[in-house]
Amino acid sequence: MMRTYSILIVTLIAAGCEDSAPTIPTGTTTSFFVSSARSTTGNLGGLAGADATCQRLATAAGHQGTWRAYLSVERDPANGNQPTHARDRIGNGPWYNANRLLIANNLNDLHSRTGDAELFVDEYGLRINGQWTGSPTPNEHDILTGSTADGRVMTGSTCADWTSSAASATGQVGHSDGMGPQQNTTPPLSSWNSAHSNLNCSDTAPRGGAGRFYCFAR
């Protein structure tokens, strides 16, 4: 009788441990992150250089697939010097972050959502410094995109197609945490991809940046 009770107790404890253990969605892989790599200027080596950085970071973090930077350009050498839109570079979704949390199911969902410090994390699942409560400093939530809110190129706001470190050039950025000063979430400050222009392309830090960009697997 004592042995039966012991087995029952052990079984109940084991079941309780399983119920309380965190669960990770099955069948999902990381397909989105904010680059942990930073650039002090807007010169990322063009789309090719930014793509290579995304691929390097993904591989180092153990993420599979082919990775592309979410950046728009006005003249893409790989596209006959025609414009290339960030939204056309990243596939159709769905996309999950490094913590296996859903970012968006498709392009329409992606471009209708706002930034979120919990979701827009780097390749290791770490939050990006921003305006969120308890954030470390300095603020680094300005993410380079060169894009409008619908993911298309914003003319004159791509740091010369991500090849310039000139003070005369600018680049459009989004807010990874979806917040402006004092946690203001009024559009466009809530936009993850098109909140405002950076100060210039010679220094990405002013206004809250660090030269980070978004990476997507496609």
C-alpha atoms as a PDB file:
ATOM      1  CA  MET A   1       0.000   0.000   0.000  1.00  0.00           C
ATOM      2  CA  MET A   2       2.817   2.397   0.919  1.00  0.00           C
ATOM      3  CA  ARG A   3       4.508   1.730  -2.418  1.00  0.00           C
ATOM      4  CA  THR A   4       1.291   2.481  -4.311  1.00  0.00           C
ATOM      5  CA  TYR A   5       0.939   5.855  -2.538  1.00  0.00           C
ATOM      6  CA  SER A   6       4.574   6.703  -3.296  1.00  0.00           C
ATOM      7  CA  ILE A   7       4.128   6.001  -7.004  1.00  0.00           C
ATOM      8  CA  LEU A   8       0.959   8.085  -7.071  1.00  0.00           C
ATOM      9  CA  ILE A   9       2.667  11.054  -5.377  1.00  0.00           C
ATOM     10  CA  VAL A  10       5.642  10.929  -7.731  1.00  0.00           C
ATOM     11  CA  THR A  11       3.313  10.753 -10.730  1.00  0.00           C
ATOM     12  CA  LEU A  12       1.303  13.780  -9.549  1.00  0.00           C
ATOM     13  CA  ILE A  13       4.448  15.819  -8.887  1.00  0.00           C
ATOM     14  CA  ALA A  14       5.830  14.982 -12.324  1.00  0.00           C
ATOM     15  CA  ALA A  15       2.557  15.942 -13.958  1.00  0.00           C
ATOM     16  CA  GLY A  16       2.540  19.220 -12.089  1.00  0.00           C
ATOM     17  CA  CYS A  17       6.080  20.009 -13.214  1.00  0.00           C
ATOM     18  CA  GLU A  18       5.134  19.379 -16.834  1.00  0.00           C
ATOM     19  CA  ASP A  19       2.105  21.643 -16.572  1.00  0.00           C
ATOM     20  CA  SER A  20       4.121  24.521 -15.140  1.00  0.00           C
ATOM     21  CA  ALA A  21       7.011  24.233 -17.593  1.00  0.00           C
ATOM     22  CA  PRO A  22       7.176  26.931 -20.288  1.00  0.00           C
ATOM     23  CA  THR A  23       6.032  25.811 -23.698  1.00  0.00           C
ATOM     24  CA  ILE A  24       7.545  26.763 -27.042  1.00  0.00           C
ATOM     25  CA  PRO A  25       5.355  26.671 -30.159  1.00  0.00           C
ATOM     26  CA  THR A  26       6.156  23.651 -32.280  1.00  0.00           C
ATOM     27  CA  GLY A  27       6.807  23.932 -35.988  1.00  0.00           C
ATOM     28  CA  THR A  28       8.117  27.505 -35.783  1.00  0.00           C
ATOM     29  CA  THR A  29      11.613  28.756 -36.469  1.00  0.00           C
ATOM     30  CA  THR A  30      13.174  32.165 -36.023  1.00  0.00           C
ATOM     31  CA  SER A  31      12.583  34.264 -39.115  1.00  0.00           C
ATOM     32  CA  PHE A  32      12.938  37.832 -37.841  1.00  0.00           C
ATOM     33  CA  PHE A  33      15.246  39.875 -35.657  1.00  0.00           C
ATOM     34  CA  VAL A  34      16.682  43.326 -35.074  1.00  0.00           C
ATOM     35  CA  SER A  35      20.395  43.270 -35.802  1.00  0.00           C
ATOM     36  CA  SER A  36      22.635  43.226 -32.758  1.00  0.00           C
ATOM     37  CA  ALA A  37      25.297  44.691 -35.039  1.00  0.00           C
ATOM     38  CA  ARG A  38      25.433  48.476 -35.037  1.00  0.00           C
ATOM     39  CA  SER A  39      26.724  51.010 -37.542  1.00  0.00           C
ATOM     40  CA  THR A  40      27.871  54.470 -36.512  1.00  0.00           C
ATOM     41  CA  THR A  41      26.966  55.784 -39.975  1.00  0.00           C
ATOM     42  CA  GLY A  42      24.398  55.102 -42.661  1.00  0.00           C
ATOM     43  CA  ASN A  43      26.973  53.309 -44.806  1.00  0.00           C
ATOM     44  CA  LEU A  44      26.022  49.651 -44.454  1.00  0.00           C
ATOM     45  CA  GLY A  45      27.766  48.560 -47.632  1.00  0.00           C
ATOM     46  CA  GLY A  46      24.528  48.871 -49.600  1.00  0.00           C
ATOM     47  CA  LEU A  47      21.912  46.139 -49.653  1.00  0.00           C
ATOM     48  CA  ALA A  48      24.562  43.495 -50.270  1.00  0.00           C
ATOM     49  CA  GLY A  49      26.519  44.533 -47.196  1.00  0.00           C
ATOM     50  CA  ALA A  50      23.424  44.668 -44.995  1.00  0.00           C
ATOM     51  CA  ASP A  51      22.255  41.271 -46.257  1.00  0.00           C
ATOM     52  CA  ALA A  52      25.649  39.790 -45.481  1.00  0.00           C
ATOM     53  CA  THR A  53      25.443  41.158 -41.948  1.00  0.00           C
ATOM     54  CA  CYS A  54      21.990  39.631 -41.450  1.00  0.00           C
ATOM     55  CA  GLN A  55      23.235  36.269 -42.723  1.00  0.00           C
ATOM     56  CA  ARG A  56      26.319  36.370 -40.508  1.00  0.00           C
ATOM     57  CA  LEU A  57      24.333  37.247 -37.388  1.00  0.00           C
ATOM     58  CA  ALA A  58      21.694  34.607 -38.101  1.00  0.00           C
ATOM     59  CA  THR A  59      24.264  31.873 -38.663  1.00  0.00           C
ATOM     60  CA  ALA A  60      26.173  32.781 -35.501  1.00  0.00           C
ATOM     61  CA  ALA A  61      22.940  32.590 -33.497  1.00  0.00           C
ATOM     62  CA  GLY A  62      22.014  29.211 -35.000  1.00  0.00           C
ATOM     63  CA  HIS A  63      19.158  30.427 -37.201  1.00  0.00           C
ATOM     64  CA  GLN A  64      18.663  28.650 -40.515  1.00  0.00           C
ATOM     65  CA  GLY A  65      17.639  30.023 -43.885  1.00  0.00           C
ATOM     66  CA  THR A  66      18.502  32.835 -46.261  1.00  0.00           C
ATOM     67  CA  TRP A  67      18.361  36.245 -44.596  1.00  0.00           C
ATOM     68  CA  ARG A  68      17.711  39.689 -46.033  1.00  0.00           C
ATOM     69  CA  ALA A  69      17.794  43.176 -44.574  1.00  0.00           C
ATOM     70  CA  TYR A  70      14.540  45.106 -44.432  1.00  0.00           C
ATOM     71  CA  LEU A  71      15.826  48.148 -46.310  1.00  0.00           C
ATOM     72  CA  SER A  72      14.529  50.123 -49.264  1.00  0.00           C
ATOM     73  CA  VAL A  73      16.748  51.718 -51.903  1.00  0.00           C
ATOM     74  CA  GLU A  74      16.184  54.069 -54.822  1.00  0.00           C
ATOM     75  CA  ARG A  75      18.734  52.449 -57.144  1.00  0.00           C
ATOM     76  CA  ASP A  76      19.480  48.770 -56.708  1.00  0.00           C
ATOM     77  CA  PRO A  77      22.408  47.488 -58.824  1.00  0.00           C
ATOM     78  CA  ALA A  78      20.918  43.987 -58.643  1.00  0.00           C
ATOM     79  CA  ASN A  79      17.642  45.337 -60.047  1.00  0.00           C
ATOM     80  CA  GLY A  80      18.886  47.339 -63.026  1.00  0.00           C
ATOM     81  CA  ASN A  81      19.374  50.392 -60.808  1.00  0.00           C
ATOM     82  CA  GLN A  82      15.628  50.523 -60.261  1.00  0.00           C
ATOM     83  CA  PRO A  83      14.026  51.053 -56.831  1.00  0.00           C
ATOM     84  CA  THR A  84      13.747  48.083 -54.496  1.00  0.00           C
ATOM     85  CA  HIS A  85      11.195  48.141 -51.701  1.00  0.00           C
ATOM     86  CA  ALA A  86      11.910  46.576 -48.322  1.00  0.00           C
ATOM     87  CA  ARG A  87       8.580  44.725 -48.303  1.00  0.00           C
ATOM     88  CA  ASP A  88       9.520  42.914 -51.525  1.00  0.00           C
ATOM     89  CA  ARG A  89      12.722  41.477 -50.044  1.00  0.00           C
ATOM     90  CA  ILE A  90      11.391  39.442 -47.128  1.00  0.00           C
ATOM     91  CA  GLY A  91       8.981  36.815 -48.426  1.00  0.00           C
ATOM     92  CA  ASN A  92       5.346  36.430 -47.390  1.00  0.00           C
ATOM     93  CA  GLY A  93       5.515  35.317 -43.746  1.00  0.00           C
ATOM     94  CA  PRO A  94       4.658  34.261 -41.172  1.00  0.00           C
ATOM     95  CA  TRP A  95       7.587  35.601 -39.133  1.00  0.00           C
ATOM     96  CA  TYR A  96       8.637  34.680 -35.605  1.00  0.00           C
ATOM     97  CA  ASN A  97      11.262  36.285 -33.401  1.00  0.00           C
ATOM     98  CA  ALA A  98      14.087  34.505 -31.570  1.00  0.00           C
ATOM     99  CA  ASN A  99      11.734  33.763 -28.668  1.00  0.00           C
ATOM    100  CA  ARG A 100       9.336  32.032 -31.084  1.00  0.00           C
ATOM    101  CA  LEU A 101       6.738  34.802 -30.691  1.00  0.00           C
ATOM    102  CA  LEU A 102       4.682  35.724 -33.749  1.00  0.00           C
ATOM    103  CA  ILE A 103       5.514  39.063 -35.370  1.00  0.00           C
ATOM    104  CA  ALA A 104       3.014  38.882 -38.225  1.00  0.00           C
ATOM    105  CA  ASN A 105       1.317  36.287 -40.417  1.00  0.00           C
ATOM    106  CA  ASN A 106       1.743  38.092 -43.722  1.00  0.00           C
ATOM    107  CA  LEU A 107       2.784  41.359 -45.343  1.00  0.00           C
ATOM    108  CA  ASN A 108      -0.522  43.087 -44.649  1.00  0.00           C
ATOM    109  CA  ASP A 109      -0.388  42.157 -40.964  1.00  0.00           C
ATOM    110  CA  LEU A 110       3.231  43.247 -40.760  1.00  0.00           C
ATOM    111  CA  HIS A 111       2.612  46.678 -42.217  1.00  0.00           C
ATOM    112  CA  SER A 112      -0.506  47.355 -40.171  1.00  0.00           C
ATOM    113  CA  ARG A 113       1.057  46.630 -36.790  1.00  0.00           C
ATOM    114  CA  THR A 114       3.076  48.849 -34.434  1.00  0.00           C
ATOM    115  CA  GLY A 115       6.437  48.404 -32.768  1.00  0.00           C
ATOM    116  CA  ASP A 116       6.688  46.360 -29.567  1.00  0.00           C
ATOM    117  CA  ALA A 117       9.739  46.050 -27.297  1.00  0.00           C
ATOM    118  CA  GLU A 118       8.832  42.457 -26.412  1.00  0.00           C
ATOM    119  CA  LEU A 119       8.546  41.321 -30.015  1.00  0.00           C
ATOM    120  CA  PHE A 120      11.100  43.397 -31.896  1.00  0.00           C
ATOM    121  CA  VAL A 121      14.188  41.806 -30.336  1.00  0.00           C
ATOM    122  CA  ASP A 122      17.642  40.869 -31.591  1.00  0.00           C
ATOM    123  CA  GLU A 123      18.798  37.469 -32.864  1.00  0.00           C
ATOM    124  CA  TYR A 124      19.325  36.247 -29.301  1.00  0.00           C
ATOM    125  CA  GLY A 125      15.893  37.369 -28.105  1.00  0.00           C
ATOM    126  CA  LEU A 126      17.201  40.433 -26.262  1.00  0.00           C
ATOM    127  CA  ARG A 127      15.246  43.678 -26.148  1.00  0.00           C
ATOM    128  CA  ILE A 128      16.489  46.792 -27.894  1.00  0.00           C
ATOM    129  CA  ASN A 129      17.115  49.818 -25.668  1.00  0.00           C
ATOM    130  CA  GLY A 130      14.236  52.218 -26.103  1.00  0.00           C
ATOM    131  CA  GLN A 131      11.542  54.203 -24.328  1.00  0.00           C
ATOM    132  CA  TRP A 132       9.960  51.215 -22.583  1.00  0.00           C
ATOM    133  CA  THR A 133       9.759  51.155 -18.792  1.00  0.00           C
ATOM    134  CA  GLY A 134      13.023  49.969 -17.257  1.00  0.00           C
ATOM    135  CA  SER A 135      15.022  50.161 -20.472  1.00  0.00           C
ATOM    136  CA  PRO A 136      18.790  50.510 -20.192  1.00  0.00           C
ATOM    137  CA  THR A 137      20.410  53.524 -21.805  1.00  0.00           C
ATOM    138  CA  PRO A 138      21.296  54.786 -24.322  1.00  0.00           C
ATOM    139  CA  ASN A 139      18.153  54.742 -26.435  1.00  0.00           C
ATOM    140  CA  GLU A 140      18.743  52.681 -29.620  1.00  0.00           C
ATOM    141  CA  HIS A 141      15.204  52.095 -30.870  1.00  0.00           C
ATOM    142  CA  ASP A 142      15.643  53.992 -34.167  1.00  0.00           C
ATOM    143  CA  ILE A 143      15.950  51.200 -36.737  1.00  0.00           C
ATOM    144  CA  LEU A 144      17.113  52.048 -40.272  1.00  0.00           C
ATOM    145  CA  THR A 145      14.606  51.240 -43.037  1.00  0.00           C
ATOM    146  CA  GLY A 146      14.485  54.015 -45.663  1.00  0.00           C
ATOM    147  CA  SER A 147      10.830  53.092 -46.020  1.00  0.00           C
ATOM    148  CA  THR A 148       7.312  54.408 -45.878  1.00  0.00           C
ATOM    149  CA  ALA A 149       4.821  52.818 -43.490  1.00  0.00           C
ATOM    150  CA  ASP A 150       3.735  50.366 -46.202  1.00  0.00           C
ATOM    151  CA  GLY A 151       7.324  49.224 -46.769  1.00  0.00           C
ATOM    152  CA  ARG A 152       8.175  51.113 -49.935  1.00  0.00           C
ATOM    153  CA  VAL A 153      11.175  53.316 -50.612  1.00  0.00           C
ATOM    154  CA  MET A 154      11.062  56.832 -49.166  1.00  0.00           C
ATOM    155  CA  THR A 155      12.806  58.987 -51.748  1.00  0.00           C
ATOM    156  CA  GLY A 156      15.782  60.878 -50.390  1.00  0.00           C
ATOM    157  CA  SER A 157      15.781  58.999 -47.081  1.00  0.00           C
ATOM    158  CA  THR A 158      18.039  55.982 -47.677  1.00  0.00           C
ATOM    159  CA  CYS A 159      21.510  57.342 -46.835  1.00  0.00           C
ATOM    160  CA  ALA A 160      22.236  57.172 -50.574  1.00  0.00           C
ATOM    161  CA  ASP A 161      21.056  53.585 -50.742  1.00  0.00           C
ATOM    162  CA  TRP A 162      22.956  52.726 -47.542  1.00  0.00           C
ATOM    163  CA  THR A 163      26.352  53.711 -48.923  1.00  0.00           C
ATOM    164  CA  SER A 164      26.706  57.199 -47.416  1.00  0.00           C
ATOM    165  CA  SER A 165      28.178  58.581 -44.217  1.00  0.00           C
ATOM    166  CA  ALA A 166      27.563  62.180 -45.264  1.00  0.00           C
ATOM    167  CA  ALA A 167      26.017  64.787 -42.977  1.00  0.00           C
ATOM    168  CA  SER A 168      24.013  66.000 -45.968  1.00  0.00           C
ATOM    169  CA  ALA A 169      22.156  62.681 -46.326  1.00  0.00           C
ATOM    170  CA  THR A 170      19.374  61.249 -44.143  1.00  0.00           C
ATOM    171  CA  GLY A 171      17.657  57.928 -43.566  1.00  0.00           C
ATOM    172  CA  GLN A 172      14.132  57.038 -42.441  1.00  0.00           C
ATOM    173  CA  VAL A 173      13.871  54.986 -39.253  1.00  0.00           C
ATOM    174  CA  GLY A 174      11.212  53.077 -37.342  1.00  0.00           C
ATOM    175  CA  HIS A 175      10.766  52.585 -33.595  1.00  0.00           C
ATOM    176  CA  SER A 176      11.323  48.993 -32.516  1.00  0.00           C
ATOM    177  CA  ASP A 177       9.409  49.616 -29.285  1.00  0.00           C
ATOM    178  CA  GLY A 178       6.632  51.622 -30.953  1.00  0.00           C
ATOM    179  CA  MET A 179       7.211  54.575 -28.632  1.00  0.00           C
ATOM    180  CA  GLY A 180       8.309  58.169 -28.829  1.00  0.00           C
ATOM    181  CA  PRO A 181       9.402  60.465 -25.977  1.00  0.00           C
ATOM    182  CA  GLN A 182       7.572  59.848 -22.681  1.00  0.00           C
ATOM    183  CA  GLN A 183       6.267  56.598 -24.188  1.00  0.00           C
ATOM    184  CA  ASN A 184       4.143  58.482 -26.696  1.00  0.00           C
ATOM    185  CA  THR A 185       2.411  55.987 -28.999  1.00  0.00           C
ATOM    186  CA  THR A 186       0.745  58.527 -31.264  1.00  0.00           C
ATOM    187  CA  PRO A 187       1.346  57.689 -34.944  1.00  0.00           C
ATOM    188  CA  PRO A 188       3.812  57.859 -36.586  1.00  0.00           C
ATOM    189  CA  LEU A 189       5.869  57.463 -33.392  1.00  0.00           C
ATOM    190  CA  SER A 190       4.348  54.014 -32.908  1.00  0.00           C
ATOM    191  CA  SER A 191       5.547  52.844 -36.319  1.00  0.00           C
ATOM    192  CA  TRP A 192       8.113  50.045 -36.330  1.00  0.00           C
ATOM    193  CA  ASN A 193       9.353  50.976 -39.811  1.00  0.00           C
ATOM    194  CA  SER A 194       8.628  54.648 -40.537  1.00  0.00           C
ATOM    195  CA  ALA A 195       8.552  56.886 -37.465  1.00  0.00           C
ATOM    196  CA  HIS A 196      10.799  59.782 -38.565  1.00  0.00           C
ATOM    197  CA  SER A 197      14.067  60.721 -40.266  1.00  0.00           C
ATOM    198  CA  ASN A 198      17.383  60.369 -38.517  1.00  0.00           C
ATOM    199  CA  LEU A 199      19.471  63.511 -38.006  1.00  0.00           C
ATOM    200  CA  ASN A 200      21.876  62.573 -40.779  1.00  0.00           C
ATOM    201  CA  CYS A 201      23.924  59.677 -42.104  1.00  0.00           C
ATOM    202  CA  SER A 202      27.237  60.696 -40.566  1.00  0.00           C
ATOM    203  CA  ASP A 203      26.104  59.667 -37.071  1.00  0.00           C
ATOM    204  CA  THR A 204      23.213  57.293 -36.346  1.00  0.00           C
ATOM    205  CA  ALA A 205      23.098  57.983 -32.589  1.00  0.00           C
ATOM    206  CA  PRO A 206      21.295  61.354 -32.352  1.00  0.00           C
ATOM    207  CA  ARG A 207      17.502  61.084 -31.880  1.00  0.00           C
ATOM    208  CA  GLY A 208      17.855  57.562 -30.486  1.00  0.00           C
ATOM    209  CA  GLY A 209      19.641  55.327 -32.963  1.00  0.00           C
ATOM    210  CA  ALA A 210      22.595  52.966 -33.209  1.00  0.00           C
ATOM    211  CA  GLY A 211      22.596  51.966 -36.879  1.00  0.00           C
ATOM    212  CA  ARG A 212      20.619  48.775 -36.361  1.00  0.00           C
ATOM    213  CA  PHE A 213      18.312  47.303 -39.009  1.00  0.00           C
ATOM    214  CA  TYR A 214      15.736  44.540 -39.339  1.00  0.00           C
ATOM    215  CA  CYS A 215      16.553  41.090 -40.716  1.00  0.00           C
ATOM    216  CA  PHE A 216      14.031  38.610 -42.152  1.00  0.00           C
ATOM    217  CA  ALA A 217      14.371  35.029 -43.374  1.00  0.00           C
ATOM    218  CA  ARG A 218      12.710  34.318 -46.675  1.00  0.00           C
END
